[in-house]
C-alpha atoms as a PDB file:
ATOM      1  CA  UNK A   1      25.098 138.053-151.708  1.00  0.00           C
ATOM      2  CA  UNK A   2      24.110 140.012-154.807  1.00  0.00           C
ATOM      3  CA  UNK A   3      20.459 139.123-154.323  1.00  0.00           C
ATOM      4  CA  UNK A   4      20.128 140.347-150.735  1.00  0.00           C
ATOM      5  CA  UNK A   5      17.624 143.172-150.473  1.00  0.00           C
ATOM      6  CA  UNK A   6      16.256 142.682-153.974  1.00  0.00           C
ATOM      7  CA  UNK A   7      12.582 141.885-154.414  1.00  0.00           C
ATOM      8  CA  UNK A   8      12.595 139.216-157.117  1.00  0.00           C
ATOM      9  CA  UNK A   9      11.723 135.573-157.524  1.00  0.00           C
ATOM     10  CA  UNK A  10      14.669 133.240-157.160  1.00  0.00           C
ATOM     11  CA  UNK A  11      14.254 129.828-158.709  1.00  0.00           C
ATOM     12  CA  UNK A  12      15.702 126.794-156.971  1.00  0.00           C
ATOM     13  CA  UNK A  13      18.269 126.227-159.725  1.00  0.00           C
ATOM     14  CA  UNK A  14      19.496 129.819-159.562  1.00  0.00           C
ATOM     15  CA  UNK A  15      19.631 129.686-155.785  1.00  0.00           C
ATOM     16  CA  UNK A  16      21.570 126.404-155.881  1.00  0.00           C
ATOM     17  CA  UNK A  17      24.045 127.989-158.280  1.00  0.00           C
ATOM     18  CA  UNK A  18      24.454 131.060-156.097  1.00  0.00           C
ATOM     19  CA  UNK A  19      24.951 128.968-152.958  1.00  0.00           C
ATOM     20  CA  UNK A  20      27.549 126.851-154.773  1.00  0.00           C
ATOM     21  CA  UNK A  21      29.367 129.996-155.957  1.00  0.00           C
ATOM     22  CA  UNK A  22      29.340 131.417-152.443  1.00  0.00           C
ATOM     23  CA  UNK A  23      30.683 128.122-151.068  1.00  0.00           C
ATOM     24  CA  UNK A  24      33.505 128.183-153.646  1.00  0.00           C
ATOM     25  CA  UNK A  25      34.389 131.750-152.657  1.00  0.00           C
ATOM     26  CA  UNK A  26      34.315 130.720-149.007  1.00  0.00           C
ATOM     27  CA  UNK A  27      36.747 127.885-149.761  1.00  0.00           C
ATOM     28  CA  UNK A  28      39.058 130.361-151.503  1.00  0.00           C
ATOM     29  CA  UNK A  29      38.884 132.657-148.480  1.00  0.00           C
ATOM     30  CA  UNK A  30      39.700 129.799-146.155  1.00  0.00           C
ATOM     31  CA  UNK A  31      42.671 128.770-148.319  1.00  0.00           C
ATOM     32  CA  UNK A  32      43.925 132.359-148.274  1.00  0.00           C
ATOM     33  CA  UNK A  33      43.540 132.449-144.502  1.00  0.00           C
ATOM     34  CA  UNK A  34      45.663 129.306-144.145  1.00  0.00           C
ATOM     35  CA  UNK A  35      48.583 130.716-146.128  1.00  0.00           C
ATOM     36  CA  UNK A  36      48.425 134.216-144.619  1.00  0.00           C
ATOM     37  CA  UNK A  37      50.250 134.860-141.339  1.00  0.00           C
ATOM     38  CA  UNK A  38      47.810 135.073-138.420  1.00  0.00           C
ATOM     39  CA  UNK A  39      49.819 137.636-136.488  1.00  0.00           C
ATOM     40  CA  UNK A  40      47.399 140.533-136.330  1.00  0.00           C
ATOM     41  CA  UNK A  41      43.877 141.265-135.274  1.00  0.00           C
ATOM     42  CA  UNK A  42      42.324 141.795-138.727  1.00  0.00           C
ATOM     43  CA  UNK A  43      43.128 138.185-139.578  1.00  0.00           C
ATOM     44  CA  UNK A  44      41.294 136.972-136.482  1.00  0.00           C
ATOM     45  CA  UNK A  45      38.260 138.974-137.545  1.00  0.00           C
ATOM     46  CA  UNK A  46      38.530 137.560-141.053  1.00  0.00           C
ATOM     47  CA  UNK A  47      38.534 134.024-139.642  1.00  0.00           C
ATOM     48  CA  UNK A  48      35.451 134.803-137.570  1.00  0.00           C
ATOM     49  CA  UNK A  49      33.641 136.179-140.605  1.00  0.00           C
ATOM     50  CA  UNK A  50      34.569 133.140-142.687  1.00  0.00           C
ATOM     51  CA  UNK A  51      33.154 130.888-139.969  1.00  0.00           C
ATOM     52  CA  UNK A  52      29.929 132.896-139.884  1.00  0.00           C
ATOM     53  CA  UNK A  53      29.561 132.697-143.667  1.00  0.00           C
ATOM     54  CA  UNK A  54      30.077 128.941-143.497  1.00  0.00           C
ATOM     55  CA  UNK A  55      27.294 128.607-140.933  1.00  0.00           C
ATOM     56  CA  UNK A  56      24.967 130.780-143.023  1.00  0.00           C
ATOM     57  CA  UNK A  57      25.572 128.668-146.113  1.00  0.00           C
ATOM     58  CA  UNK A  58      24.980 125.499-144.100  1.00  0.00           C
ATOM     59  CA  UNK A  59      21.650 126.959-142.945  1.00  0.00           C
ATOM     60  CA  UNK A  60      20.667 128.053-146.461  1.00  0.00           C
ATOM     61  CA  UNK A  61      21.265 124.735-148.205  1.00  0.00           C
ATOM     62  CA  UNK A  62      18.510 122.677-146.553  1.00  0.00           C
ATOM     63  CA  UNK A  63      16.013 125.567-146.649  1.00  0.00           C
ATOM     64  CA  UNK A  64      16.652 126.657-150.220  1.00  0.00           C
ATOM     65  CA  UNK A  65      13.376 125.218-151.565  1.00  0.00           C
ATOM     66  CA  UNK A  66      11.272 127.339-149.213  1.00  0.00           C
ATOM     67  CA  UNK A  67      13.448 130.407-149.866  1.00  0.00           C
ATOM     68  CA  UNK A  68      13.109 129.969-153.630  1.00  0.00           C
ATOM     69  CA  UNK A  69       9.320 130.206-153.398  1.00  0.00           C
ATOM     70  CA  UNK A  70       9.313 133.687-151.861  1.00  0.00           C
END
């Protein structure tokens, strides 16, 4: 997420590392969501956002080689 909006080359190794870090943070967020009571609306929004991030990471992984060449 730190690289969004920045005009710089991103090598495939750096991009792989960043995707892996984001996936680890996503896993932590999902674990937190499981142990936190789901009784209010902000938690539902948080779950939706976590799902969206998961889909984005899934889309980024196979296309990372073409992204890295930008």
